[in-house]
Amino acid sequence: MDLHRLTLRAIGPFAGEHVIDFAELGRSGLFLLEGPTGSGKSTLIDAVVFALYGSLASDGSSRDRLHSHHAAPGVEPYVELVFETAAGTHRVRRSPQHQRPKARGTGTTNQNATATLVRLSSPDADAGEVIGTSTQEVGTEIARIVGLTRAQFVQTVVLPQGEFAEFLRSTGEQRRLVLQSLFGTAVYDATAKQLAEMRTAAKARTDAADARVAEALTGLREATRVDALEVADAADTVRLLAELADAAEQARA
């Protein structure tokens, strides 16, 4: 997955509109996100996660803190992310739930969260195919496009401060599922499962053949034993007849 460009406005400490060109930064192969406490480093990570999943990187963080207190009233907060996966290039834009001035009168009213997802022909394209216009539609499509749940994404891609240990503490099965999604090893699991099923079926056929052979051998032994008894009886009969013939010969003598 490649992040191309992040745009945010009225988010966290960023009152105005700011654009981060990840593609340009990534040309060097490595870049550092550095700044004093409160400068917005974590906000940028949260912005990426929010754009994709509609929630923040840390489980305990509230989305209420996304809307900048420094922004002028009426300025819509939003995050826009252009990213690329094997499924293509997409631009997702989300606006968090926030308070905005009423259209009439004084005071504020609640503005619900919004989301749109567009498939682009290239990272720099302005227009594209709209494939989601609600938070639910966008959430479903993002899960399919990225191939990772939010929990898997924050454990493998953005890892908030101090949360790498959570991945290490995960059970073997949990780590296996994360790495399977990340590296696309499901095909190997499916192949192993199919081979195991073939082995089980082959063993069943072998066991059935062994049973038939054993049954045939038992029948053969029984038949051989009967034939042997019949041969023994015939020999005794011949011997008795010979003895009777001798006795008759002696009697005539």
C-alpha atoms as a PDB file:
ATOM      1  CA  MET A   1       0.000   0.000   0.000  1.00  0.00           C
ATOM      2  CA  ASP A   2       1.323   3.444  -0.979  1.00  0.00           C
ATOM      3  CA  LEU A   3       0.151   6.724   0.549  1.00  0.00           C
ATOM      4  CA  HIS A   4       0.433   9.463  -2.074  1.00  0.00           C
ATOM      5  CA  ARG A   5      -1.052  12.603  -0.549  1.00  0.00           C
ATOM      6  CA  LEU A   6      -2.749  13.684   2.676  1.00  0.00           C
ATOM      7  CA  THR A   7      -4.803  16.878   2.872  1.00  0.00           C
ATOM      8  CA  LEU A   8      -6.393  18.092   6.089  1.00  0.00           C
ATOM      9  CA  ARG A   9      -8.172  21.201   7.285  1.00  0.00           C
ATOM     10  CA  ALA A  10      -9.434  22.273  10.712  1.00  0.00           C
ATOM     11  CA  ILE A  11      -8.052  19.056  12.196  1.00  0.00           C
ATOM     12  CA  GLY A  12      -6.273  19.029  15.569  1.00  0.00           C
ATOM     13  CA  PRO A  13      -3.706  21.834  15.788  1.00  0.00           C
ATOM     14  CA  PHE A  14      -3.974  22.464  12.028  1.00  0.00           C
ATOM     15  CA  ALA A  15      -6.515  25.270  11.639  1.00  0.00           C
ATOM     16  CA  GLY A  16      -5.875  25.901   7.957  1.00  0.00           C
ATOM     17  CA  GLU A  17      -5.522  23.558   5.011  1.00  0.00           C
ATOM     18  CA  HIS A  18      -2.300  21.564   4.840  1.00  0.00           C
ATOM     19  CA  VAL A  19      -1.054  19.091   2.238  1.00  0.00           C
ATOM     20  CA  ILE A  20       1.557  16.404   2.827  1.00  0.00           C
ATOM     21  CA  ASP A  21       2.990  14.875  -0.345  1.00  0.00           C
ATOM     22  CA  PHE A  22       4.075  11.414   0.775  1.00  0.00           C
ATOM     23  CA  ALA A  23       5.130  10.522  -2.762  1.00  0.00           C
ATOM     24  CA  GLU A  24       7.645  13.390  -2.795  1.00  0.00           C
ATOM     25  CA  LEU A  25       8.876  12.632   0.722  1.00  0.00           C
ATOM     26  CA  GLY A  26       9.240   8.962  -0.140  1.00  0.00           C
ATOM     27  CA  ARG A  27      11.644   9.623  -2.995  1.00  0.00           C
ATOM     28  CA  SER A  28      14.487   9.606  -0.493  1.00  0.00           C
ATOM     29  CA  GLY A  29      13.361   6.207   0.799  1.00  0.00           C
ATOM     30  CA  LEU A  30      13.121   7.383   4.408  1.00  0.00           C
ATOM     31  CA  PHE A  31      11.789  10.486   6.137  1.00  0.00           C
ATOM     32  CA  LEU A  32      11.288  11.577   9.735  1.00  0.00           C
ATOM     33  CA  LEU A  33       8.145  13.008  11.300  1.00  0.00           C
ATOM     34  CA  GLU A  34       9.647  15.279  13.960  1.00  0.00           C
ATOM     35  CA  GLY A  35       8.407  18.081  16.191  1.00  0.00           C
ATOM     36  CA  PRO A  36       7.814  19.148  19.798  1.00  0.00           C
ATOM     37  CA  THR A  37       4.990  17.819  21.931  1.00  0.00           C
ATOM     38  CA  GLY A  38       1.650  19.108  20.693  1.00  0.00           C
ATOM     39  CA  SER A  39       2.904  20.024  17.233  1.00  0.00           C
ATOM     40  CA  GLY A  40       0.596  17.514  15.546  1.00  0.00           C
ATOM     41  CA  LYS A  41       2.734  14.435  14.839  1.00  0.00           C
ATOM     42  CA  SER A  42       0.150  12.027  16.217  1.00  0.00           C
ATOM     43  CA  THR A  43      -2.605  14.032  14.539  1.00  0.00           C
ATOM     44  CA  LEU A  44      -1.129  13.219  11.138  1.00  0.00           C
ATOM     45  CA  ILE A  45      -1.148   9.507  11.972  1.00  0.00           C
ATOM     46  CA  ASP A  46      -4.709   9.830  13.255  1.00  0.00           C
ATOM     47  CA  ALA A  47      -5.680  11.659  10.072  1.00  0.00           C
ATOM     48  CA  VAL A  48      -4.481   8.775   7.898  1.00  0.00           C
ATOM     49  CA  VAL A  49      -6.335   6.198   9.989  1.00  0.00           C
ATOM     50  CA  PHE A  50      -9.451   8.372  10.167  1.00  0.00           C
ATOM     51  CA  ALA A  51      -9.489   8.869   6.406  1.00  0.00           C
ATOM     52  CA  LEU A  52      -9.430   5.120   5.875  1.00  0.00           C
ATOM     53  CA  TYR A  53     -11.472   3.769   8.771  1.00  0.00           C
ATOM     54  CA  GLY A  54     -13.385   6.665  10.284  1.00  0.00           C
ATOM     55  CA  SER A  55     -11.688   6.249  13.673  1.00  0.00           C
ATOM     56  CA  LEU A  56      -8.350   7.148  15.256  1.00  0.00           C
ATOM     57  CA  ALA A  57      -5.147   5.170  15.621  1.00  0.00           C
ATOM     58  CA  SER A  58      -5.350   4.733  19.398  1.00  0.00           C
ATOM     59  CA  ASP A  59      -8.284   2.804  20.818  1.00  0.00           C
ATOM     60  CA  GLY A  60      -8.762   5.255  23.683  1.00  0.00           C
ATOM     61  CA  SER A  61      -8.823   8.374  21.501  1.00  0.00           C
ATOM     62  CA  SER A  62     -12.085  10.223  20.915  1.00  0.00           C
ATOM     63  CA  ARG A  63     -12.983  11.455  17.442  1.00  0.00           C
ATOM     64  CA  ASP A  64     -14.260  14.641  19.086  1.00  0.00           C
ATOM     65  CA  ARG A  65     -10.689  15.876  19.353  1.00  0.00           C
ATOM     66  CA  LEU A  66     -10.276  15.837  15.579  1.00  0.00           C
ATOM     67  CA  HIS A  67     -12.097  19.134  15.023  1.00  0.00           C
ATOM     68  CA  SER A  68      -9.614  21.946  15.527  1.00  0.00           C
ATOM     69  CA  HIS A  69     -10.437  24.488  18.219  1.00  0.00           C
ATOM     70  CA  HIS A  70      -8.208  26.952  16.368  1.00  0.00           C
ATOM     71  CA  ALA A  71     -10.297  26.961  13.183  1.00  0.00           C
ATOM     72  CA  ALA A  72     -12.770  29.723  12.459  1.00  0.00           C
ATOM     73  CA  PRO A  73     -16.457  28.899  13.025  1.00  0.00           C
ATOM     74  CA  GLY A  74     -18.072  27.501   9.907  1.00  0.00           C
ATOM     75  CA  VAL A  75     -14.881  26.027   8.465  1.00  0.00           C
ATOM     76  CA  GLU A  76     -15.630  22.394   7.663  1.00  0.00           C
ATOM     77  CA  PRO A  77     -13.041  19.989   9.079  1.00  0.00           C
ATOM     78  CA  TYR A  78     -11.995  17.241   6.694  1.00  0.00           C
ATOM     79  CA  VAL A  79      -9.280  14.749   5.858  1.00  0.00           C
ATOM     80  CA  GLU A  80      -8.542  13.587   2.322  1.00  0.00           C
ATOM     81  CA  LEU A  81      -6.145  10.763   1.464  1.00  0.00           C
ATOM     82  CA  VAL A  82      -4.970   9.557  -1.940  1.00  0.00           C
ATOM     83  CA  PHE A  83      -3.599   6.034  -1.706  1.00  0.00           C
ATOM     84  CA  GLU A  84      -2.798   3.077  -3.924  1.00  0.00           C
ATOM     85  CA  THR A  85      -3.154  -0.685  -3.434  1.00  0.00           C
ATOM     86  CA  ALA A  86      -3.321  -3.710  -5.706  1.00  0.00           C
ATOM     87  CA  ALA A  87      -6.997  -2.769  -6.210  1.00  0.00           C
ATOM     88  CA  GLY A  88      -6.024   0.572  -7.799  1.00  0.00           C
ATOM     89  CA  THR A  89      -5.687   4.234  -6.839  1.00  0.00           C
ATOM     90  CA  HIS A  90      -8.380   5.831  -4.688  1.00  0.00           C
ATOM     91  CA  ARG A  91      -9.162   9.114  -2.952  1.00  0.00           C
ATOM     92  CA  VAL A  92     -11.131   9.016   0.281  1.00  0.00           C
ATOM     93  CA  ARG A  93     -12.477  12.108   1.986  1.00  0.00           C
ATOM     94  CA  ARG A  94     -14.059  12.195   5.435  1.00  0.00           C
ATOM     95  CA  SER A  95     -15.463  14.943   7.588  1.00  0.00           C
ATOM     96  CA  PRO A  96     -15.892  14.109  11.286  1.00  0.00           C
ATOM     97  CA  GLN A  97     -19.027  14.861  13.229  1.00  0.00           C
ATOM     98  CA  HIS A  98     -18.775  18.446  14.481  1.00  0.00           C
ATOM     99  CA  GLN A  99     -20.693  21.516  15.552  1.00  0.00           C
ATOM    100  CA  ARG A 100     -21.296  24.206  12.931  1.00  0.00           C
ATOM    101  CA  PRO A 101     -23.109  27.562  13.076  1.00  0.00           C
ATOM    102  CA  LYS A 102     -26.831  27.390  12.415  1.00  0.00           C
ATOM    103  CA  ALA A 103     -27.961  28.596   9.004  1.00  0.00           C
ATOM    104  CA  ARG A 104     -30.530  30.820  10.708  1.00  0.00           C
ATOM    105  CA  GLY A 105     -30.253  32.500  14.056  1.00  0.00           C
ATOM    106  CA  THR A 106     -27.492  32.032  16.563  1.00  0.00           C
ATOM    107  CA  GLY A 107     -25.841  29.025  18.124  1.00  0.00           C
ATOM    108  CA  THR A 108     -24.598  25.814  16.584  1.00  0.00           C
ATOM    109  CA  THR A 109     -26.069  22.589  15.280  1.00  0.00           C
ATOM    110  CA  ASN A 110     -24.681  19.099  14.919  1.00  0.00           C
ATOM    111  CA  GLN A 111     -23.217  18.136  11.553  1.00  0.00           C
ATOM    112  CA  ASN A 112     -23.037  14.381  11.008  1.00  0.00           C
ATOM    113  CA  ALA A 113     -19.915  12.670   9.716  1.00  0.00           C
ATOM    114  CA  THR A 114     -19.651  12.312   5.938  1.00  0.00           C
ATOM    115  CA  ALA A 115     -17.488  10.216   3.632  1.00  0.00           C
ATOM    116  CA  THR A 116     -16.850   9.794  -0.093  1.00  0.00           C
ATOM    117  CA  LEU A 117     -14.619   7.364  -1.975  1.00  0.00           C
ATOM    118  CA  VAL A 118     -13.470   7.841  -5.573  1.00  0.00           C
ATOM    119  CA  ARG A 119     -11.513   5.489  -7.834  1.00  0.00           C
ATOM    120  CA  LEU A 120      -8.833   7.419  -9.761  1.00  0.00           C
ATOM    121  CA  SER A 121      -6.940   6.672 -12.953  1.00  0.00           C
ATOM    122  CA  SER A 122      -3.783   8.134 -11.390  1.00  0.00           C
ATOM    123  CA  PRO A 123      -2.747   9.772  -8.086  1.00  0.00           C
ATOM    124  CA  ASP A 124      -2.893  13.247  -9.672  1.00  0.00           C
ATOM    125  CA  ALA A 125      -6.303  12.845 -11.314  1.00  0.00           C
ATOM    126  CA  ASP A 126      -8.922  15.380 -10.222  1.00  0.00           C
ATOM    127  CA  ALA A 127     -12.021  13.361 -11.113  1.00  0.00           C
ATOM    128  CA  GLY A 128     -12.824   9.683 -11.052  1.00  0.00           C
ATOM    129  CA  GLU A 129     -15.499   7.072 -10.442  1.00  0.00           C
ATOM    130  CA  VAL A 130     -17.459   7.618  -7.227  1.00  0.00           C
ATOM    131  CA  ILE A 131     -17.877   4.238  -5.506  1.00  0.00           C
ATOM    132  CA  GLY A 132     -19.048   5.328  -2.051  1.00  0.00           C
ATOM    133  CA  THR A 133     -20.994   8.299  -0.699  1.00  0.00           C
ATOM    134  CA  SER A 134     -21.848   7.217   2.848  1.00  0.00           C
ATOM    135  CA  THR A 135     -19.754   6.225   5.837  1.00  0.00           C
ATOM    136  CA  GLN A 136     -21.098   2.666   5.590  1.00  0.00           C
ATOM    137  CA  GLU A 137     -20.407   2.295   1.863  1.00  0.00           C
ATOM    138  CA  VAL A 138     -16.942   3.771   2.197  1.00  0.00           C
ATOM    139  CA  GLY A 139     -16.138   1.564   5.185  1.00  0.00           C
ATOM    140  CA  THR A 140     -17.135  -1.585   3.296  1.00  0.00           C
ATOM    141  CA  GLU A 141     -15.130  -0.638   0.202  1.00  0.00           C
ATOM    142  CA  ILE A 142     -12.047   0.399   2.184  1.00  0.00           C
ATOM    143  CA  ALA A 143     -11.981  -2.974   3.972  1.00  0.00           C
ATOM    144  CA  ARG A 144     -12.049  -4.699   0.584  1.00  0.00           C
ATOM    145  CA  ILE A 145      -9.509  -2.400  -1.075  1.00  0.00           C
ATOM    146  CA  VAL A 146      -6.957  -2.285   1.751  1.00  0.00           C
ATOM    147  CA  GLY A 147      -7.471  -5.890   2.849  1.00  0.00           C
ATOM    148  CA  LEU A 148      -6.860  -5.055   6.511  1.00  0.00           C
ATOM    149  CA  THR A 149      -9.162  -4.245   9.387  1.00  0.00           C
ATOM    150  CA  ARG A 150      -8.471  -1.074  11.349  1.00  0.00           C
ATOM    151  CA  ALA A 151      -6.922  -3.136  14.175  1.00  0.00           C
ATOM    152  CA  GLN A 152      -4.610  -4.910  11.722  1.00  0.00           C
ATOM    153  CA  PHE A 153      -3.725  -1.638   9.982  1.00  0.00           C
ATOM    154  CA  VAL A 154      -2.657   0.144  13.164  1.00  0.00           C
ATOM    155  CA  GLN A 155      -0.643  -2.908  14.265  1.00  0.00           C
ATOM    156  CA  THR A 156       1.296  -3.286  11.036  1.00  0.00           C
ATOM    157  CA  VAL A 157       1.314  -0.008   9.097  1.00  0.00           C
ATOM    158  CA  VAL A 158       1.117   3.011  11.406  1.00  0.00           C
ATOM    159  CA  LEU A 159       1.698   1.534  14.903  1.00  0.00           C
ATOM    160  CA  PRO A 160       0.848   4.373  17.334  1.00  0.00           C
ATOM    161  CA  GLN A 161       3.436   5.216  19.977  1.00  0.00           C
ATOM    162  CA  GLY A 162       3.791   2.463  22.568  1.00  0.00           C
ATOM    163  CA  GLU A 163       1.416   0.047  20.819  1.00  0.00           C
ATOM    164  CA  PHE A 164       3.980  -2.209  19.132  1.00  0.00           C
ATOM    165  CA  ALA A 165       4.042  -4.187  22.368  1.00  0.00           C
ATOM    166  CA  GLU A 166       0.346  -4.943  21.860  1.00  0.00           C
ATOM    167  CA  PHE A 167       1.169  -6.729  18.609  1.00  0.00           C
ATOM    168  CA  LEU A 168       3.899  -8.694  20.349  1.00  0.00           C
ATOM    169  CA  ARG A 169       1.483  -9.649  23.146  1.00  0.00           C
ATOM    170  CA  SER A 170      -1.122 -10.891  20.679  1.00  0.00           C
ATOM    171  CA  THR A 171      -1.804 -14.612  20.555  1.00  0.00           C
ATOM    172  CA  GLY A 172      -0.125 -16.670  17.872  1.00  0.00           C
ATOM    173  CA  GLU A 173      -3.431 -17.021  16.039  1.00  0.00           C
ATOM    174  CA  GLN A 174      -4.030 -13.243  16.103  1.00  0.00           C
ATOM    175  CA  ARG A 175      -0.552 -12.539  14.721  1.00  0.00           C
ATOM    176  CA  ARG A 176      -1.035 -15.245  12.093  1.00  0.00           C
ATOM    177  CA  LEU A 177      -4.249 -13.609  10.872  1.00  0.00           C
ATOM    178  CA  VAL A 178      -2.604 -10.174  10.736  1.00  0.00           C
ATOM    179  CA  LEU A 179       0.442 -11.412   8.822  1.00  0.00           C
ATOM    180  CA  GLN A 180      -1.741 -13.562   6.564  1.00  0.00           C
ATOM    181  CA  SER A 181      -3.724 -10.483   5.543  1.00  0.00           C
ATOM    182  CA  LEU A 182      -0.601  -8.361   5.230  1.00  0.00           C
ATOM    183  CA  PHE A 183       1.437 -10.761   3.068  1.00  0.00           C
ATOM    184  CA  GLY A 184      -1.400 -12.546   1.271  1.00  0.00           C
ATOM    185  CA  THR A 185      -0.530 -16.048   2.493  1.00  0.00           C
ATOM    186  CA  ALA A 186      -4.138 -17.257   2.486  1.00  0.00           C
ATOM    187  CA  VAL A 187      -3.466 -19.180  -0.737  1.00  0.00           C
ATOM    188  CA  TYR A 188      -0.845 -21.283   1.065  1.00  0.00           C
ATOM    189  CA  ASP A 189      -3.231 -22.017   3.920  1.00  0.00           C
ATOM    190  CA  ALA A 190      -5.882 -23.051   1.399  1.00  0.00           C
ATOM    191  CA  THR A 191      -3.382 -25.313  -0.376  1.00  0.00           C
ATOM    192  CA  ALA A 192      -2.297 -26.911   2.912  1.00  0.00           C
ATOM    193  CA  LYS A 193      -5.947 -27.488   3.844  1.00  0.00           C
ATOM    194  CA  GLN A 194      -6.677 -29.071   0.472  1.00  0.00           C
ATOM    195  CA  LEU A 195      -3.631 -31.357   0.745  1.00  0.00           C
ATOM    196  CA  ALA A 196      -4.707 -32.403   4.252  1.00  0.00           C
ATOM    197  CA  GLU A 197      -8.180 -33.260   2.952  1.00  0.00           C
ATOM    198  CA  MET A 198      -6.649 -35.270   0.078  1.00  0.00           C
ATOM    199  CA  ARG A 199      -4.434 -37.131   2.557  1.00  0.00           C
ATOM    200  CA  THR A 200      -7.440 -37.962   4.746  1.00  0.00           C
ATOM    201  CA  ALA A 201      -9.407 -39.219   1.736  1.00  0.00           C
ATOM    202  CA  ALA A 202      -6.450 -41.324   0.518  1.00  0.00           C
ATOM    203  CA  LYS A 203      -6.014 -42.859   3.984  1.00  0.00           C
ATOM    204  CA  ALA A 204      -9.723 -43.740   4.075  1.00  0.00           C
ATOM    205  CA  ARG A 205      -9.416 -45.495   0.703  1.00  0.00           C
ATOM    206  CA  THR A 206      -6.289 -47.348   1.870  1.00  0.00           C
ATOM    207  CA  ASP A 207      -7.971 -48.452   5.100  1.00  0.00           C
ATOM    208  CA  ALA A 208     -10.975 -49.720   3.126  1.00  0.00           C
ATOM    209  CA  ALA A 209      -8.699 -51.661   0.750  1.00  0.00           C
ATOM    210  CA  ASP A 210      -6.779 -53.153   3.693  1.00  0.00           C
ATOM    211  CA  ALA A 211     -10.066 -54.283   5.243  1.00  0.00           C
ATOM    212  CA  ARG A 212     -11.123 -55.989   2.007  1.00  0.00           C
ATOM    213  CA  VAL A 213      -7.751 -57.755   1.714  1.00  0.00           C
ATOM    214  CA  ALA A 214      -7.942 -58.930   5.342  1.00  0.00           C
ATOM    215  CA  GLU A 215     -11.462 -60.246   4.767  1.00  0.00           C
ATOM    216  CA  ALA A 216     -10.330 -62.130   1.648  1.00  0.00           C
ATOM    217  CA  LEU A 217      -7.362 -63.664   3.490  1.00  0.00           C
ATOM    218  CA  THR A 218      -9.621 -64.827   6.323  1.00  0.00           C
ATOM    219  CA  GLY A 219     -11.940 -66.506   3.823  1.00  0.00           C
ATOM    220  CA  LEU A 220      -8.988 -68.140   2.092  1.00  0.00           C
ATOM    221  CA  ARG A 221      -7.643 -69.513   5.377  1.00  0.00           C
ATOM    222  CA  GLU A 222     -11.052 -70.976   6.259  1.00  0.00           C
ATOM    223  CA  ALA A 223     -11.340 -72.626   2.855  1.00  0.00           C
ATOM    224  CA  THR A 224      -7.813 -74.040   3.114  1.00  0.00           C
ATOM    225  CA  ARG A 225      -8.502 -75.468   6.574  1.00  0.00           C
ATOM    226  CA  VAL A 226     -11.682 -77.235   5.359  1.00  0.00           C
ATOM    227  CA  ASP A 227      -9.841 -78.689   2.368  1.00  0.00           C
ATOM    228  CA  ALA A 228      -7.085 -79.972   4.656  1.00  0.00           C
ATOM    229  CA  LEU A 229      -9.637 -81.717   6.885  1.00  0.00           C
ATOM    230  CA  GLU A 230     -11.267 -83.283   3.861  1.00  0.00           C
ATOM    231  CA  VAL A 231      -7.887 -84.599   2.624  1.00  0.00           C
ATOM    232  CA  ALA A 232      -7.138 -86.060   6.072  1.00  0.00           C
ATOM    233  CA  ASP A 233     -10.511 -87.839   6.141  1.00  0.00           C
ATOM    234  CA  ALA A 234      -9.881 -89.346   2.700  1.00  0.00           C
ATOM    235  CA  ALA A 235      -6.465 -90.656   3.788  1.00  0.00           C
ATOM    236  CA  ASP A 236      -7.990 -92.342   6.847  1.00  0.00           C
ATOM    237  CA  THR A 237     -10.621 -93.986   4.653  1.00  0.00           C
ATOM    238  CA  VAL A 238      -7.957 -95.375   2.292  1.00  0.00           C
ATOM    239  CA  ARG A 239      -5.951 -96.689   5.241  1.00  0.00           C
ATOM    240  CA  LEU A 240      -8.995 -98.437   6.744  1.00  0.00           C
ATOM    241  CA  LEU A 241      -9.892 -99.991   3.415  1.00  0.00           C
ATOM    242  CA  ALA A 242      -6.338-101.308   3.104  1.00  0.00           C
ATOM    243  CA  GLU A 243      -6.472-102.804   6.591  1.00  0.00           C
ATOM    244  CA  LEU A 244      -9.812-104.476   5.804  1.00  0.00           C
ATOM    245  CA  ALA A 245      -8.397-105.932   2.609  1.00  0.00           C
ATOM    246  CA  ASP A 246      -5.412-107.354   4.527  1.00  0.00           C
ATOM    247  CA  ALA A 247      -7.711-108.857   7.152  1.00  0.00           C
ATOM    248  CA  ALA A 248      -9.854-110.502   4.478  1.00  0.00           C
ATOM    249  CA  GLU A 249      -6.771-111.901   2.760  1.00  0.00           C
ATOM    250  CA  GLN A 250      -5.511-113.350   6.032  1.00  0.00           C
ATOM    251  CA  ALA A 251      -8.945-114.882   6.743  1.00  0.00           C
ATOM    252  CA  ARG A 252      -8.969-116.694   3.414  1.00  0.00           C
ATOM    253  CA  ALA A 253      -5.503-118.009   4.081  1.00  0.00           C
END
